[in-house]
N, C-alpha and C. Protein backbone atom coordinates (compact mmCIF):
# COMPACT_ATOMS: atom_id res chain seq x y z
N MET A 1 -6.55 -8.24 5.62
CA MET A 1 -6.07 -7.46 5.53
C MET A 1 -5.16 -6.71 4.68
N SER A 2 -4.57 -5.79 5.34
CA SER A 2 -3.58 -4.79 4.32
C SER A 2 -2.48 -3.65 4.83
N THR A 3 -1.32 -3.74 4.50
CA THR A 3 -0.73 -2.86 5.10
C THR A 3 -0.16 -1.39 4.06
N MET A 4 -0.62 -0.06 4.49
CA MET A 4 -0.22 0.43 3.30
C MET A 4 0.60 2.03 4.23
N SER A 5 1.80 1.79 3.99
CA SER A 5 2.57 2.91 4.35
C SER A 5 3.02 2.82 5.65
N GLY A 6 3.39 1.16 5.80
CA GLY A 6 3.35 0.51 7.07
C GLY A 6 2.50 0.75 8.13
N TYR A 7 1.16 1.50 7.84
CA TYR A 7 -0.08 1.24 7.89
C TYR A 7 -1.06 0.40 7.98
N GLU A 8 -1.86 -0.33 9.49
CA GLU A 8 -2.77 -1.87 8.78
C GLU A 8 -4.30 -1.26 8.02
N VAL A 9 -4.73 -1.70 7.38
CA VAL A 9 -6.10 -0.72 6.85
C VAL A 9 -6.59 -1.71 7.15
N ARG A 10 -7.53 -2.07 7.17
CA ARG A 10 -9.05 -2.97 7.57
C ARG A 10 -9.95 -1.84 7.19
N ILE A 11 -11.36 -2.23 5.95
CA ILE A 11 -12.50 -2.01 6.08
C ILE A 11 -13.77 -3.14 6.82
N GLY A 12 -14.08 -2.56 7.16
CA GLY A 12 -14.90 -3.60 8.30
C GLY A 12 -14.53 -5.13 8.50
N ALA A 13 -14.19 -6.39 7.57
CA ALA A 13 -14.74 -7.66 7.73
C ALA A 13 -13.45 -7.90 6.15
N VAL A 14 -13.75 -7.23 5.51
CA VAL A 14 -13.61 -7.89 4.04
C VAL A 14 -12.02 -6.83 3.60
N PRO A 15 -11.28 -7.84 3.08
CA PRO A 15 -9.67 -6.62 3.48
C PRO A 15 -9.41 -6.57 1.50
N LEU A 16 -8.68 -5.68 1.81
CA LEU A 16 -8.28 -4.61 0.71
C LEU A 16 -7.66 -5.35 -0.65
N PRO A 17 -8.43 -4.75 -1.90
CA PRO A 17 -7.42 -5.77 -3.06
C PRO A 17 -6.35 -5.64 -2.95
N SER A 18 -5.67 -6.46 -2.85
CA SER A 18 -3.84 -5.39 -2.93
C SER A 18 -2.90 -4.96 -3.98
N LYS A 19 -4.39 -4.65 -5.03
CA LYS A 19 -3.49 -3.73 -6.29
C LYS A 19 -4.43 -2.40 -5.39
N SER A 20 -3.31 -1.17 -6.22
CA SER A 20 -4.17 -0.28 -5.88
C SER A 20 -5.41 0.44 -7.27
N VAL A 21 -5.57 0.91 -6.47
CA VAL A 21 -6.66 2.29 -7.38
C VAL A 21 -5.61 3.29 -7.72
N ASN A 22 -4.66 2.86 -7.77
CA ASN A 22 -3.73 4.44 -8.31
C ASN A 22 -3.28 3.10 -9.58
N ASP A 23 -3.11 2.45 -8.82
CA ASP A 23 -2.60 1.41 -10.14
C ASP A 23 -3.77 1.45 -12.03
N ASP A 24 -4.41 1.05 -11.38
CA ASP A 24 -5.14 1.08 -12.70
C ASP A 24 -5.66 2.96 -12.96
N VAL A 25 -5.88 3.89 -12.10
CA VAL A 25 -6.42 5.85 -13.09
C VAL A 25 -4.99 5.97 -13.94
N LEU A 26 -5.07 6.19 -14.91
CA LEU A 26 -4.15 7.41 -15.88
C LEU A 26 -4.09 9.20 -15.64
N VAL A 27 -3.73 9.45 -15.14
CA VAL A 27 -4.02 11.01 -15.63
C VAL A 27 -4.06 11.44 -15.85
N GLY A 28 -4.23 12.41 -16.88
CA GLY A 28 -3.35 13.76 -17.66
C GLY A 28 -4.24 12.84 -18.69
N ALA A 29 -4.52 13.54 -19.78
CA ALA A 29 -4.85 13.73 -21.13
C ALA A 29 -3.66 12.43 -21.76
N ALA A 30 -2.40 13.39 -21.07
CA ALA A 30 -0.82 12.47 -22.55
C ALA A 30 -0.61 10.85 -21.66
N ALA A 31 -1.40 10.87 -19.98
CA ALA A 31 -1.13 9.38 -20.33
C ALA A 31 -2.20 7.88 -20.46
N ILE A 32 -3.83 9.18 -21.14
CA ILE A 32 -4.79 8.46 -21.73
C ILE A 32 -4.25 8.03 -23.54
N ALA A 33 -3.60 9.78 -23.71
CA ALA A 33 -3.15 9.44 -25.05
C ALA A 33 -1.65 8.10 -25.14
N LEU A 34 -1.23 8.03 -24.26
CA LEU A 34 0.44 7.03 -24.24
C LEU A 34 -0.02 5.54 -24.51
N PHE A 35 -1.94 5.23 -23.95
CA PHE A 35 -2.21 4.12 -23.02
C PHE A 35 -3.20 2.98 -24.53
N LEU A 36 -3.30 4.49 -25.01
CA LEU A 36 -4.95 4.32 -26.30
C LEU A 36 -4.12 4.11 -27.50
N PHE A 37 -3.46 4.92 -27.90
CA PHE A 37 -2.89 5.17 -29.30
C PHE A 37 -1.44 4.56 -28.93
N GLY A 38 -0.71 4.59 -28.46
CA GLY A 38 1.11 4.67 -28.02
C GLY A 38 1.87 6.37 -27.49
N ASP A 39 1.18 7.03 -28.13
CA ASP A 39 2.02 8.57 -28.74
C ASP A 39 1.11 9.01 -27.45
N LYS A 40 2.22 10.06 -26.27
CA LYS A 40 0.83 10.79 -25.16
C LYS A 40 1.73 12.10 -27.08
N ARG A 41 1.89 12.28 -27.11
CA ARG A 41 1.53 13.15 -28.23
C ARG A 41 -0.01 14.31 -28.91
N LEU A 42 -0.53 13.49 -28.51
CA LEU A 42 -2.32 13.00 -29.44
C LEU A 42 -3.29 13.95 -28.50
N THR A 43 -3.19 14.61 -27.49
CA THR A 43 -3.89 14.28 -26.29
C THR A 43 -4.78 15.41 -26.85
N ARG A 44 -4.93 16.28 -28.01
CA ARG A 44 -5.69 17.19 -28.14
C ARG A 44 -7.01 16.24 -28.89
N LYS A 45 -6.41 14.71 -29.70
CA LYS A 45 -7.10 13.34 -29.81
C LYS A 45 -7.78 13.65 -28.85
N VAL A 46 -7.56 13.02 -27.12
CA VAL A 46 -8.16 13.19 -26.59
C VAL A 46 -8.90 13.73 -25.79
N TYR A 47 -8.71 14.71 -25.59
CA TYR A 47 -9.95 15.62 -24.77
C TYR A 47 -10.66 16.22 -26.17
N TYR A 48 -10.74 16.44 -27.83
CA TYR A 48 -11.51 15.58 -28.68
C TYR A 48 -12.23 14.17 -28.04
N LEU A 49 -12.09 13.33 -27.83
CA LEU A 49 -12.92 12.52 -28.16
C LEU A 49 -13.58 12.39 -26.58
N ALA A 50 -12.49 12.90 -25.90
CA ALA A 50 -13.74 12.95 -24.78
C ALA A 50 -14.90 14.01 -24.30
N GLU A 51 -14.29 14.84 -24.92
CA GLU A 51 -15.62 16.74 -24.93
C GLU A 51 -16.41 15.65 -25.95
N GLU A 52 -15.83 14.42 -26.91
CA GLU A 52 -17.96 14.11 -27.71
C GLU A 52 -18.17 12.87 -26.89
N ARG A 53 -18.19 12.34 -26.12
CA ARG A 53 -18.21 11.43 -24.84
C ARG A 53 -18.23 10.08 -25.99
N LYS A 54 -17.31 10.31 -26.43
CA LYS A 54 -16.54 9.00 -27.07
C LYS A 54 -15.62 8.06 -26.64
N ILE A 55 -15.14 7.86 -25.32
CA ILE A 55 -14.25 7.44 -24.14
C ILE A 55 -15.03 8.06 -23.52
N PRO A 56 -14.58 6.70 -22.10
CA PRO A 56 -14.81 6.38 -21.01
C PRO A 56 -13.67 7.19 -20.14
N VAL A 57 -14.14 8.49 -19.21
CA VAL A 57 -13.06 9.39 -18.90
C VAL A 57 -14.22 9.88 -18.51
N PHE A 58 -12.43 10.89 -17.33
CA PHE A 58 -13.72 11.14 -16.20
C PHE A 58 -13.03 12.74 -15.51
N ARG A 59 -13.76 13.03 -14.94
CA ARG A 59 -12.99 14.36 -14.69
C ARG A 59 -12.13 14.51 -12.95
N LEU A 60 -11.11 14.16 -12.69
CA LEU A 60 -10.53 14.52 -11.06
C LEU A 60 -9.79 15.04 -10.92
N GLY A 61 -10.44 17.06 -10.51
CA GLY A 61 -8.89 17.49 -10.82
C GLY A 61 -8.71 18.24 -12.56
N GLY A 62 -8.33 17.00 -13.06
CA GLY A 62 -8.12 16.60 -14.87
C GLY A 62 -8.59 15.71 -15.48
N LEU A 63 -8.25 15.91 -16.82
CA LEU A 63 -8.94 14.50 -17.17
C LEU A 63 -8.18 13.21 -16.64
N CYS A 64 -9.03 11.73 -16.13
CA CYS A 64 -8.22 10.34 -15.36
C CYS A 64 -9.51 9.48 -15.86
N ALA A 65 -8.72 8.59 -16.51
CA ALA A 65 -9.68 6.95 -16.84
C ALA A 65 -8.96 5.99 -16.76
N ARG A 66 -9.71 5.56 -15.87
CA ARG A 66 -9.90 3.73 -15.52
C ARG A 66 -8.83 2.98 -17.06
N ARG A 67 -7.79 2.57 -16.96
CA ARG A 67 -6.45 1.44 -17.21
C ARG A 67 -7.69 0.02 -17.75
N SER A 68 -8.35 -0.49 -16.89
CA SER A 68 -9.12 -1.45 -16.86
C SER A 68 -10.25 -1.65 -17.19
N THR A 69 -11.40 0.06 -17.56
CA THR A 69 -12.06 0.82 -18.48
C THR A 69 -12.22 1.04 -19.63
N LEU A 70 -11.07 1.39 -20.10
CA LEU A 70 -10.90 1.70 -21.42
C LEU A 70 -10.35 0.56 -21.61
N THR A 71 -9.98 -0.68 -20.94
CA THR A 71 -9.55 -2.53 -22.16
C THR A 71 -11.14 -2.71 -22.35
N THR A 72 -12.11 -3.02 -21.05
CA THR A 72 -13.10 -2.93 -21.29
C THR A 72 -13.99 -2.39 -22.51
N TRP A 73 -13.86 -1.19 -22.77
CA TRP A 73 -14.49 -0.33 -23.99
C TRP A 73 -13.82 -1.14 -25.27
N LEU A 74 -12.28 -0.86 -25.12
CA LEU A 74 -11.85 -1.31 -26.11
C LEU A 74 -12.63 -2.60 -26.35
N GLN A 75 -12.42 -3.70 -25.75
CA GLN A 75 -12.70 -5.28 -25.96
C GLN A 75 -14.34 -5.44 -26.84
N ARG A 76 -15.14 -4.32 -26.23
CA ARG A 76 -16.75 -4.02 -26.36
C ARG A 76 -16.73 -3.75 -27.88
N HIS A 77 -15.85 -2.20 -28.90
CA HIS A 77 -15.77 -1.94 -29.19
C HIS A 77 -15.76 -2.93 -30.73
N GLU A 78 -13.92 -3.57 -30.16
CA GLU A 78 -13.88 -4.07 -30.99
C GLU A 78 -15.02 -5.88 -32.02
N ALA A 79 -15.74 -6.02 -30.34
CA ALA A 79 -16.58 -7.30 -30.89
C ALA A 79 -17.66 -6.93 -31.69
N GLU A 80 -17.77 -5.29 -30.95
CA GLU A 80 -18.94 -5.21 -32.56
C GLU A 80 -18.91 -4.99 -33.62
N GLY A 81 -17.20 -4.41 -34.11
CA GLY A 81 -17.50 -4.90 -34.69
C GLY A 81 -16.28 -5.28 -35.51
N ALA A 82 -16.55 -7.34 -35.03
CA ALA A 82 -16.12 -8.48 -35.79
C ALA A 82 -17.27 -8.89 -35.71
N ASN A 83 -18.69 -7.81 -34.98
CA ASN A 83 -19.66 -8.98 -35.69
C ASN A 83 -20.73 -7.57 -36.76
N GLY A 84 -19.69 -6.56 -36.90
CA GLY A 84 -20.48 -6.38 -38.56
C GLY A 84 -21.15 -5.00 -37.82
N ASN A 85 -21.55 -4.61 -36.22
CA ASN A 85 -22.02 -3.66 -35.56
C ASN A 85 -21.56 -2.43 -35.70
N ALA A 86 -20.70 -2.28 -35.76
CA ALA A 86 -19.24 -0.95 -35.94
C ALA A 86 -20.00 -0.29 -36.35
N PRO A 87 -20.06 1.25 -35.46
CA PRO A 87 -20.16 2.46 -36.49
C PRO A 87 -20.57 3.00 -37.69
N VAL A 88 -20.85 3.31 -38.87
CA VAL A 88 -19.72 2.88 -40.26
C VAL A 88 -19.25 4.79 -40.14
N VAL A 89 -18.35 4.62 -40.07
CA VAL A 89 -17.14 6.14 -40.03
C VAL A 89 -16.84 7.13 -41.39
N GLU A 90 -17.73 7.78 -41.96
CA GLU A 90 -17.34 8.79 -43.66
C GLU A 90 -16.08 9.43 -43.81
N LYS A 91 -14.92 8.84 -44.22
CA LYS A 91 -14.08 10.29 -44.66
C LYS A 91 -14.01 11.52 -44.71
N ARG A 92 -13.49 12.55 -44.39
CA ARG A 92 -14.11 13.28 -45.00
C ARG A 92 -13.08 14.01 -46.12
N GLN A 93 -13.41 15.12 -46.88
CA GLN A 93 -13.15 15.24 -48.25
C GLN A 93 -12.30 16.37 -48.79
């Protein structure tokens, strides 16, 4: 059992998680850029990566992503890089 705004919320017999989904969702390219790159001005980079399907995002009115999904995605890519399985990216000249 959980309370939200003074209301008791029940779904079957399973209590809702104490952490709100709202706490996990990043709304907007600026929020995603701040989370990934530490700079909310890098929104064009986020839009490009989203368009190329290089980052796990979804649209819900605007561009959104879950912190937990991005963290898992980053950890997976770090592990691939540590194992020598990371894709080779060539510099543009």
